[in-house]
Amino acid sequence: MEAQKAISLRKNEEKIGSDVVILVDRAEEEGFAGRTQHDAPEVDNEVFVGKGPGISIGHFSRVTVVDAVEYDLFAIPPDGSAGENA
């Protein structure tokens, strides 16, 4: 698991600055959580994004990845605002 953490972090950091399409799964206190087409629910990365236009539960949204940790990504809404996650 320790070796995998480093690999996962490196792969996630490579996504910073890129746009990804997420399926928004649920509301969070500061925005929403979703996943890309490559991520299985409750197993893989989640993408956390602030509130913004075009972000709603059950819909797809293109977001920009701005930060990463070992197993999650952080993004901004499609309008480029940081939402409440900044």
PDB file of N, CA and C in Angstrom:
ATOM      1  N   MET A   1       0.828  -1.194   0.000  1.00  0.00           N
ATOM      2  CA  MET A   1       0.000   0.000   0.000  1.00  0.00           C
ATOM      3  C   MET A   1       0.872   1.257   0.000  1.00  0.00           C
ATOM      4  N   GLU A   2       1.995   1.236   0.710  1.00  0.00           N
ATOM      5  CA  GLU A   2       2.867   2.413   0.728  1.00  0.00           C
ATOM      6  C   GLU A   2       3.420   2.705  -0.667  1.00  0.00           C
ATOM      7  N   ALA A   3       3.831   1.672  -1.379  1.00  0.00           N
ATOM      8  CA  ALA A   3       4.343   1.866  -2.739  1.00  0.00           C
ATOM      9  C   ALA A   3       3.233   2.389  -3.652  1.00  0.00           C
ATOM     10  N   GLN A   4       2.029   1.876  -3.484  1.00  0.00           N
ATOM     11  CA  GLN A   4       0.917   2.293  -4.327  1.00  0.00           C
ATOM     12  C   GLN A   4       0.537   3.747  -4.067  1.00  0.00           C
ATOM     13  N   LYS A   5       0.653   4.214  -2.827  1.00  0.00           N
ATOM     14  CA  LYS A   5       0.340   5.610  -2.513  1.00  0.00           C
ATOM     15  C   LYS A   5       1.197   6.557  -3.352  1.00  0.00           C
ATOM     16  N   ALA A   6       2.485   6.276  -3.431  1.00  0.00           N
ATOM     17  CA  ALA A   6       3.396   7.129  -4.197  1.00  0.00           C
ATOM     18  C   ALA A   6       3.060   7.095  -5.686  1.00  0.00           C
ATOM     19  N   ILE A   7       2.747   5.918  -6.192  1.00  0.00           N
ATOM     20  CA  ILE A   7       2.380   5.783  -7.611  1.00  0.00           C
ATOM     21  C   ILE A   7       1.090   6.536  -7.893  1.00  0.00           C
ATOM     22  N   SER A   8       0.092   6.358  -7.043  1.00  0.00           N
ATOM     23  CA  SER A   8      -1.198   7.019  -7.231  1.00  0.00           C
ATOM     24  C   SER A   8      -1.047   8.537  -7.156  1.00  0.00           C
ATOM     25  N   LEU A   9      -0.259   9.017  -6.205  1.00  0.00           N
ATOM     26  CA  LEU A   9      -0.046  10.462  -6.087  1.00  0.00           C
ATOM     27  C   LEU A   9       0.604  11.012  -7.356  1.00  0.00           C
ATOM     28  N   ARG A  10       1.614  10.345  -7.857  1.00  0.00           N
ATOM     29  CA  ARG A  10       2.291  10.794  -9.082  1.00  0.00           C
ATOM     30  C   ARG A  10       1.322  10.848 -10.257  1.00  0.00           C
ATOM     31  N   LYS A  11       0.514   9.806 -10.420  1.00  0.00           N
ATOM     32  CA  LYS A  11      -0.453   9.768 -11.518  1.00  0.00           C
ATOM     33  C   LYS A  11      -1.500  10.873 -11.361  1.00  0.00           C
ATOM     34  N   ASN A  12      -1.957  11.103 -10.134  1.00  0.00           N
ATOM     35  CA  ASN A  12      -2.947  12.152  -9.907  1.00  0.00           C
ATOM     36  C   ASN A  12      -2.350  13.537 -10.141  1.00  0.00           C
ATOM     37  N   GLU A  13      -1.112  13.753  -9.703  1.00  0.00           N
ATOM     38  CA  GLU A  13      -0.476  15.049  -9.919  1.00  0.00           C
ATOM     39  C   GLU A  13      -0.299  15.355 -11.400  1.00  0.00           C
ATOM     40  N   GLU A  14      -0.137  14.326 -12.224  1.00  0.00           N
ATOM     41  CA  GLU A  14      -0.016  14.514 -13.671  1.00  0.00           C
ATOM     42  C   GLU A  14      -1.308  15.063 -14.278  1.00  0.00           C
ATOM     43  N   LYS A  15      -2.417  14.924 -13.581  1.00  0.00           N
ATOM     44  CA  LYS A  15      -3.708  15.395 -14.080  1.00  0.00           C
ATOM     45  C   LYS A  15      -3.968  16.866 -13.759  1.00  0.00           C
ATOM     46  N   ILE A  16      -3.152  17.464 -12.890  1.00  0.00           N
ATOM     47  CA  ILE A  16      -3.349  18.869 -12.537  1.00  0.00           C
ATOM     48  C   ILE A  16      -3.237  19.733 -13.789  1.00  0.00           C
ATOM     49  N   GLY A  17      -4.217  20.602 -13.965  1.00  0.00           N
ATOM     50  CA  GLY A  17      -4.271  21.472 -15.134  1.00  0.00           C
ATOM     51  C   GLY A  17      -5.088  20.912 -16.277  1.00  0.00           C
ATOM     52  N   SER A  18      -5.468  19.658 -16.189  1.00  0.00           N
ATOM     53  CA  SER A  18      -6.248  19.051 -17.267  1.00  0.00           C
ATOM     54  C   SER A  18      -7.748  19.129 -16.970  1.00  0.00           C
ATOM     55  N   ASP A  19      -8.530  19.079 -18.030  1.00  0.00           N
ATOM     56  CA  ASP A  19      -9.984  19.008 -17.906  1.00  0.00           C
ATOM     57  C   ASP A  19     -10.401  17.548 -17.890  1.00  0.00           C
ATOM     58  N   VAL A  20     -11.326  17.214 -17.013  1.00  0.00           N
ATOM     59  CA  VAL A  20     -11.888  15.872 -16.951  1.00  0.00           C
ATOM     60  C   VAL A  20     -13.398  15.990 -16.889  1.00  0.00           C
ATOM     61  N   VAL A  21     -14.074  14.995 -17.393  1.00  0.00           N
ATOM     62  CA  VAL A  21     -15.531  14.941 -17.297  1.00  0.00           C
ATOM     63  C   VAL A  21     -15.868  14.034 -16.123  1.00  0.00           C
ATOM     64  N   ILE A  22     -16.697  14.543 -15.226  1.00  0.00           N
ATOM     65  CA  ILE A  22     -17.095  13.750 -14.073  1.00  0.00           C
ATOM     66  C   ILE A  22     -18.603  13.539 -14.069  1.00  0.00           C
ATOM     67  N   LEU A  23     -19.025  12.443 -13.466  1.00  0.00           N
ATOM     68  CA  LEU A  23     -20.423  12.219 -13.131  1.00  0.00           C
ATOM     69  C   LEU A  23     -20.552  12.653 -11.683  1.00  0.00           C
ATOM     70  N   VAL A  24     -21.378  13.648 -11.426  1.00  0.00           N
ATOM     71  CA  VAL A  24     -21.533  14.182 -10.075  1.00  0.00           C
ATOM     72  C   VAL A  24     -22.421  13.228  -9.289  1.00  0.00           C
ATOM     73  N   ASP A  25     -21.860  12.671  -8.212  1.00  0.00           N
ATOM     74  CA  ASP A  25     -22.549  11.655  -7.410  1.00  0.00           C
ATOM     75  C   ASP A  25     -23.337  12.214  -6.235  1.00  0.00           C
ATOM     76  N   ARG A  26     -22.755  13.224  -5.575  1.00  0.00           N
ATOM     77  CA  ARG A  26     -23.407  13.693  -4.346  1.00  0.00           C
ATOM     78  C   ARG A  26     -22.952  15.100  -3.993  1.00  0.00           C
ATOM     79  N   ALA A  27     -23.754  15.727  -3.136  1.00  0.00           N
ATOM     80  CA  ALA A  27     -23.406  17.041  -2.604  1.00  0.00           C
ATOM     81  C   ALA A  27     -22.510  16.854  -1.390  1.00  0.00           C
ATOM     82  N   GLU A  28     -21.592  17.754  -1.229  1.00  0.00           N
ATOM     83  CA  GLU A  28     -20.709  17.819  -0.071  1.00  0.00           C
ATOM     84  C   GLU A  28     -20.945  19.171   0.596  1.00  0.00           C
ATOM     85  N   GLU A  29     -20.418  19.353   1.771  1.00  0.00           N
ATOM     86  CA  GLU A  29     -20.611  20.605   2.494  1.00  0.00           C
ATOM     87  C   GLU A  29     -20.152  21.814   1.676  1.00  0.00           C
ATOM     88  N   GLU A  30     -19.027  21.679   0.966  1.00  0.00           N
ATOM     89  CA  GLU A  30     -18.468  22.812   0.230  1.00  0.00           C
ATOM     90  C   GLU A  30     -18.646  22.700  -1.274  1.00  0.00           C
ATOM     91  N   GLY A  31     -19.400  21.745  -1.747  1.00  0.00           N
ATOM     92  CA  GLY A  31     -19.577  21.583  -3.184  1.00  0.00           C
ATOM     93  C   GLY A  31     -20.131  20.216  -3.527  1.00  0.00           C
ATOM     94  N   PHE A  32     -19.424  19.527  -4.416  1.00  0.00           N
ATOM     95  CA  PHE A  32     -19.898  18.235  -4.904  1.00  0.00           C
ATOM     96  C   PHE A  32     -18.745  17.245  -5.012  1.00  0.00           C
ATOM     97  N   ALA A  33     -19.095  15.963  -5.055  1.00  0.00           N
ATOM     98  CA  ALA A  33     -18.129  14.893  -5.298  1.00  0.00           C
ATOM     99  C   ALA A  33     -18.615  14.099  -6.492  1.00  0.00           C
ATOM    100  N   GLY A  34     -17.673  13.706  -7.324  1.00  0.00           N
ATOM    101  CA  GLY A  34     -18.008  12.911  -8.496  1.00  0.00           C
ATOM    102  C   GLY A  34     -16.854  12.004  -8.859  1.00  0.00           C
ATOM    103  N   ARG A  35     -16.960  11.396 -10.045  1.00  0.00           N
ATOM    104  CA  ARG A  35     -15.909  10.486 -10.494  1.00  0.00           C
ATOM    105  C   ARG A  35     -15.819  10.525 -12.008  1.00  0.00           C
ATOM    106  N   THR A  36     -14.657  10.194 -12.510  1.00  0.00           N
ATOM    107  CA  THR A  36     -14.469  10.140 -13.953  1.00  0.00           C
ATOM    108  C   THR A  36     -14.946   8.784 -14.464  1.00  0.00           C
ATOM    109  N   GLN A  37     -14.928   8.619 -15.760  1.00  0.00           N
ATOM    110  CA  GLN A  37     -15.346   7.346 -16.350  1.00  0.00           C
ATOM    111  C   GLN A  37     -14.402   6.210 -15.972  1.00  0.00           C
ATOM    112  N   HIS A  38     -13.226   6.544 -15.471  1.00  0.00           N
ATOM    113  CA  HIS A  38     -12.238   5.527 -15.117  1.00  0.00           C
ATOM    114  C   HIS A  38     -12.306   5.107 -13.652  1.00  0.00           C
ATOM    115  N   ASP A  39     -13.182   5.731 -12.892  1.00  0.00           N
ATOM    116  CA  ASP A  39     -13.216   5.496 -11.447  1.00  0.00           C
ATOM    117  C   ASP A  39     -14.510   4.840 -10.997  1.00  0.00           C
ATOM    118  N   ALA A  40     -14.371   3.703 -10.309  1.00  0.00           N
ATOM    119  CA  ALA A  40     -15.527   2.979  -9.786  1.00  0.00           C
ATOM    120  C   ALA A  40     -15.958   3.592  -8.454  1.00  0.00           C
ATOM    121  N   PRO A  41     -17.267   3.609  -8.206  1.00  0.00           N
ATOM    122  CA  PRO A  41     -17.746   4.145  -6.927  1.00  0.00           C
ATOM    123  C   PRO A  41     -17.174   3.360  -5.747  1.00  0.00           C
ATOM    124  N   GLU A  42     -16.821   4.067  -4.693  1.00  0.00           N
ATOM    125  CA  GLU A  42     -16.351   3.497  -3.430  1.00  0.00           C
ATOM    126  C   GLU A  42     -15.042   2.721  -3.545  1.00  0.00           C
ATOM    127  N   VAL A  43     -14.369   2.790  -4.704  1.00  0.00           N
ATOM    128  CA  VAL A  43     -13.122   2.062  -4.873  1.00  0.00           C
ATOM    129  C   VAL A  43     -11.998   2.992  -5.321  1.00  0.00           C
ATOM    130  N   ASP A  44     -12.255   3.802  -6.325  1.00  0.00           N
ATOM    131  CA  ASP A  44     -11.222   4.610  -6.955  1.00  0.00           C
ATOM    132  C   ASP A  44     -11.309   6.082  -6.536  1.00  0.00           C
ATOM    133  N   ASN A  45     -10.515   6.894  -7.227  1.00  0.00           N
ATOM    134  CA  ASN A  45     -10.484   8.335  -6.976  1.00  0.00           C
ATOM    135  C   ASN A  45     -11.868   8.950  -6.957  1.00  0.00           C
ATOM    136  N   GLU A  46     -11.991  10.008  -6.168  1.00  0.00           N
ATOM    137  CA  GLU A  46     -13.145  10.893  -6.262  1.00  0.00           C
ATOM    138  C   GLU A  46     -12.610  12.240  -6.699  1.00  0.00           C
ATOM    139  N   VAL A  47     -13.475  13.018  -7.329  1.00  0.00           N
ATOM    140  CA  VAL A  47     -13.138  14.376  -7.736  1.00  0.00           C
ATOM    141  C   VAL A  47     -14.049  15.300  -6.953  1.00  0.00           C
ATOM    142  N   PHE A  48     -13.452  16.203  -6.189  1.00  0.00           N
ATOM    143  CA  PHE A  48     -14.218  17.164  -5.403  1.00  0.00           C
ATOM    144  C   PHE A  48     -14.182  18.499  -6.121  1.00  0.00           C
ATOM    145  N   VAL A  49     -15.349  19.102  -6.275  1.00  0.00           N
ATOM    146  CA  VAL A  49     -15.458  20.364  -7.012  1.00  0.00           C
ATOM    147  C   VAL A  49     -16.386  21.300  -6.256  1.00  0.00           C
ATOM    148  N   GLY A  50     -16.069  22.577  -6.285  1.00  0.00           N
ATOM    149  CA  GLY A  50     -16.907  23.571  -5.622  1.00  0.00           C
ATOM    150  C   GLY A  50     -18.213  23.792  -6.354  1.00  0.00           C
ATOM    151  N   LYS A  51     -19.090  24.535  -5.729  1.00  0.00           N
ATOM    152  CA  LYS A  51     -20.373  24.864  -6.344  1.00  0.00           C
ATOM    153  C   LYS A  51     -20.142  25.802  -7.519  1.00  0.00           C
ATOM    154  N   GLY A  52     -20.901  25.612  -8.563  1.00  0.00           N
ATOM    155  CA  GLY A  52     -20.777  26.465  -9.730  1.00  0.00           C
ATOM    156  C   GLY A  52     -21.810  26.104 -10.763  1.00  0.00           C
ATOM    157  N   PRO A  53     -21.960  26.946 -11.767  1.00  0.00           N
ATOM    158  CA  PRO A  53     -22.916  26.636 -12.819  1.00  0.00           C
ATOM    159  C   PRO A  53     -22.529  25.350 -13.552  1.00  0.00           C
ATOM    160  N   GLY A  54     -23.506  24.574 -13.893  1.00  0.00           N
ATOM    161  CA  GLY A  54     -23.251  23.333 -14.615  1.00  0.00           C
ATOM    162  C   GLY A  54     -22.919  22.146 -13.734  1.00  0.00           C
ATOM    163  N   ILE A  55     -22.908  22.328 -12.418  1.00  0.00           N
ATOM    164  CA  ILE A  55     -22.599  21.229 -11.510  1.00  0.00           C
ATOM    165  C   ILE A  55     -23.882  20.836 -10.788  1.00  0.00           C
ATOM    166  N   SER A  56     -24.364  19.624 -11.043  1.00  0.00           N
ATOM    167  CA  SER A  56     -25.545  19.145 -10.329  1.00  0.00           C
ATOM    168  C   SER A  56     -25.518  17.623 -10.269  1.00  0.00           C
ATOM    169  N   ILE A  57     -26.085  17.095  -9.215  1.00  0.00           N
ATOM    170  CA  ILE A  57     -26.085  15.655  -8.961  1.00  0.00           C
ATOM    171  C   ILE A  57     -26.760  14.909 -10.105  1.00  0.00           C
ATOM    172  N   GLY A  58     -26.114  13.823 -10.522  1.00  0.00           N
ATOM    173  CA  GLY A  58     -26.665  12.971 -11.563  1.00  0.00           C
ATOM    174  C   GLY A  58     -26.334  13.409 -12.980  1.00  0.00           C
ATOM    175  N   HIS A  59     -25.562  14.484 -13.131  1.00  0.00           N
ATOM    176  CA  HIS A  59     -25.206  14.993 -14.450  1.00  0.00           C
ATOM    177  C   HIS A  59     -23.698  14.962 -14.652  1.00  0.00           C
ATOM    178  N   PHE A  60     -23.299  14.963 -15.915  1.00  0.00           N
ATOM    179  CA  PHE A  60     -21.896  15.040 -16.269  1.00  0.00           C
ATOM    180  C   PHE A  60     -21.476  16.499 -16.329  1.00  0.00           C
ATOM    181  N   SER A  61     -20.245  16.760 -15.923  1.00  0.00           N
ATOM    182  CA  SER A  61     -19.716  18.117 -15.977  1.00  0.00           C
ATOM    183  C   SER A  61     -18.226  18.072 -16.281  1.00  0.00           C
ATOM    184  N   ARG A  62     -17.787  18.975 -17.130  1.00  0.00           N
ATOM    185  CA  ARG A  62     -16.352  19.108 -17.410  1.00  0.00           C
ATOM    186  C   ARG A  62     -15.777  20.075 -16.375  1.00  0.00           C
ATOM    187  N   VAL A  63     -14.737  19.635 -15.663  1.00  0.00           N
ATOM    188  CA  VAL A  63     -14.099  20.438 -14.633  1.00  0.00           C
ATOM    189  C   VAL A  63     -12.588  20.440 -14.875  1.00  0.00           C
ATOM    190  N   THR A  64     -11.897  21.377 -14.247  1.00  0.00           N
ATOM    191  CA  THR A  64     -10.451  21.476 -14.378  1.00  0.00           C
ATOM    192  C   THR A  64      -9.798  21.070 -13.065  1.00  0.00           C
ATOM    193  N   VAL A  65      -8.896  20.107 -13.130  1.00  0.00           N
ATOM    194  CA  VAL A  65      -8.192  19.621 -11.945  1.00  0.00           C
ATOM    195  C   VAL A  65      -7.163  20.664 -11.510  1.00  0.00           C
ATOM    196  N   VAL A  66      -7.227  21.055 -10.228  1.00  0.00           N
ATOM    197  CA  VAL A  66      -6.307  22.074  -9.712  1.00  0.00           C
ATOM    198  C   VAL A  66      -5.408  21.554  -8.593  1.00  0.00           C
ATOM    199  N   ASP A  67      -5.723  20.394  -8.031  1.00  0.00           N
ATOM    200  CA  ASP A  67      -4.898  19.843  -6.961  1.00  0.00           C
ATOM    201  C   ASP A  67      -5.157  18.342  -6.874  1.00  0.00           C
ATOM    202  N   ALA A  68      -4.239  17.646  -6.202  1.00  0.00           N
ATOM    203  CA  ALA A  68      -4.365  16.193  -6.101  1.00  0.00           C
ATOM    204  C   ALA A  68      -3.720  15.701  -4.810  1.00  0.00           C
ATOM    205  N   VAL A  69      -4.269  14.632  -4.285  1.00  0.00           N
ATOM    206  CA  VAL A  69      -3.656  13.877  -3.196  1.00  0.00           C
ATOM    207  C   VAL A  69      -3.604  12.425  -3.655  1.00  0.00           C
ATOM    208  N   GLU A  70      -3.176  11.532  -2.778  1.00  0.00           N
ATOM    209  CA  GLU A  70      -2.960  10.147  -3.198  1.00  0.00           C
ATOM    210  C   GLU A  70      -4.152   9.531  -3.919  1.00  0.00           C
ATOM    211  N   TYR A  71      -5.346   9.715  -3.388  1.00  0.00           N
ATOM    212  CA  TYR A  71      -6.483   9.002  -3.951  1.00  0.00           C
ATOM    213  C   TYR A  71      -7.638   9.896  -4.369  1.00  0.00           C
ATOM    214  N   ASP A  72      -7.447  11.202  -4.413  1.00  0.00           N
ATOM    215  CA  ASP A  72      -8.524  12.109  -4.805  1.00  0.00           C
ATOM    216  C   ASP A  72      -7.987  13.277  -5.616  1.00  0.00           C
ATOM    217  N   LEU A  73      -8.894  13.878  -6.391  1.00  0.00           N
ATOM    218  CA  LEU A  73      -8.581  15.069  -7.172  1.00  0.00           C
ATOM    219  C   LEU A  73      -9.474  16.211  -6.713  1.00  0.00           C
ATOM    220  N   PHE A  74      -8.992  17.434  -6.879  1.00  0.00           N
ATOM    221  CA  PHE A  74      -9.763  18.627  -6.550  1.00  0.00           C
ATOM    222  C   PHE A  74      -9.841  19.475  -7.803  1.00  0.00           C
ATOM    223  N   ALA A  75     -11.028  19.982  -8.084  1.00  0.00           N
ATOM    224  CA  ALA A  75     -11.251  20.672  -9.353  1.00  0.00           C
ATOM    225  C   ALA A  75     -12.053  21.944  -9.147  1.00  0.00           C
ATOM    226  N   ILE A  76     -12.058  22.761 -10.199  1.00  0.00           N
ATOM    227  CA  ILE A  76     -12.900  23.950 -10.206  1.00  0.00           C
ATOM    228  C   ILE A  76     -13.992  23.763 -11.248  1.00  0.00           C
ATOM    229  N   PRO A  77     -15.124  24.433 -11.048  1.00  0.00           N
ATOM    230  CA  PRO A  77     -16.239  24.319 -11.980  1.00  0.00           C
ATOM    231  C   PRO A  77     -15.876  24.830 -13.371  1.00  0.00           C
ATOM    232  N   PRO A  78     -16.716  24.541 -14.337  1.00  0.00           N
ATOM    233  CA  PRO A  78     -16.424  24.908 -15.716  1.00  0.00           C
ATOM    234  C   PRO A  78     -16.291  26.401 -15.965  1.00  0.00           C
ATOM    235  N   ASP A  79     -16.845  27.247 -15.106  1.00  0.00           N
ATOM    236  CA  ASP A  79     -16.730  28.689 -15.309  1.00  0.00           C
ATOM    237  C   ASP A  79     -15.393  29.228 -14.812  1.00  0.00           C
ATOM    238  N   GLY A  80     -14.564  28.349 -14.237  1.00  0.00           N
ATOM    239  CA  GLY A  80     -13.236  28.746 -13.786  1.00  0.00           C
ATOM    240  C   GLY A  80     -13.217  29.311 -12.389  1.00  0.00           C
ATOM    241  N   SER A  81     -14.345  29.431 -11.720  1.00  0.00           N
ATOM    242  CA  SER A  81     -14.345  29.965 -10.364  1.00  0.00           C
ATOM    243  C   SER A  81     -13.897  28.892  -9.392  1.00  0.00           C
ATOM    244  N   ALA A  82     -13.334  29.306  -8.297  1.00  0.00           N
ATOM    245  CA  ALA A  82     -12.866  28.351  -7.294  1.00  0.00           C
ATOM    246  C   ALA A  82     -14.002  27.848  -6.423  1.00  0.00           C
ATOM    247  N   GLY A  83     -15.167  28.425  -6.545  1.00  0.00           N
ATOM    248  CA  GLY A  83     -16.287  28.013  -5.716  1.00  0.00           C
ATOM    249  C   GLY A  83     -15.951  28.212  -4.256  1.00  0.00           C
ATOM    250  N   GLU A  84     -16.504  27.392  -3.397  1.00  0.00           N
ATOM    251  CA  GLU A  84     -16.251  27.522  -1.966  1.00  0.00           C
ATOM    252  C   GLU A  84     -15.108  26.640  -1.508  1.00  0.00           C
ATOM    253  N   ASN A  85     -14.440  25.932  -2.427  1.00  0.00           N
ATOM    254  CA  ASN A  85     -13.337  25.051  -2.033  1.00  0.00           C
ATOM    255  C   ASN A  85     -12.011  25.790  -1.909  1.00  0.00           C
ATOM    256  N   ALA A  86     -11.935  27.027  -2.377  1.00  0.00           N
ATOM    257  CA  ALA A  86     -10.662  27.748  -2.381  1.00  0.00           C
ATOM    258  C   ALA A  86     -10.254  28.156  -0.991  1.00  0.00           C
TER     259      ALA A  86
END
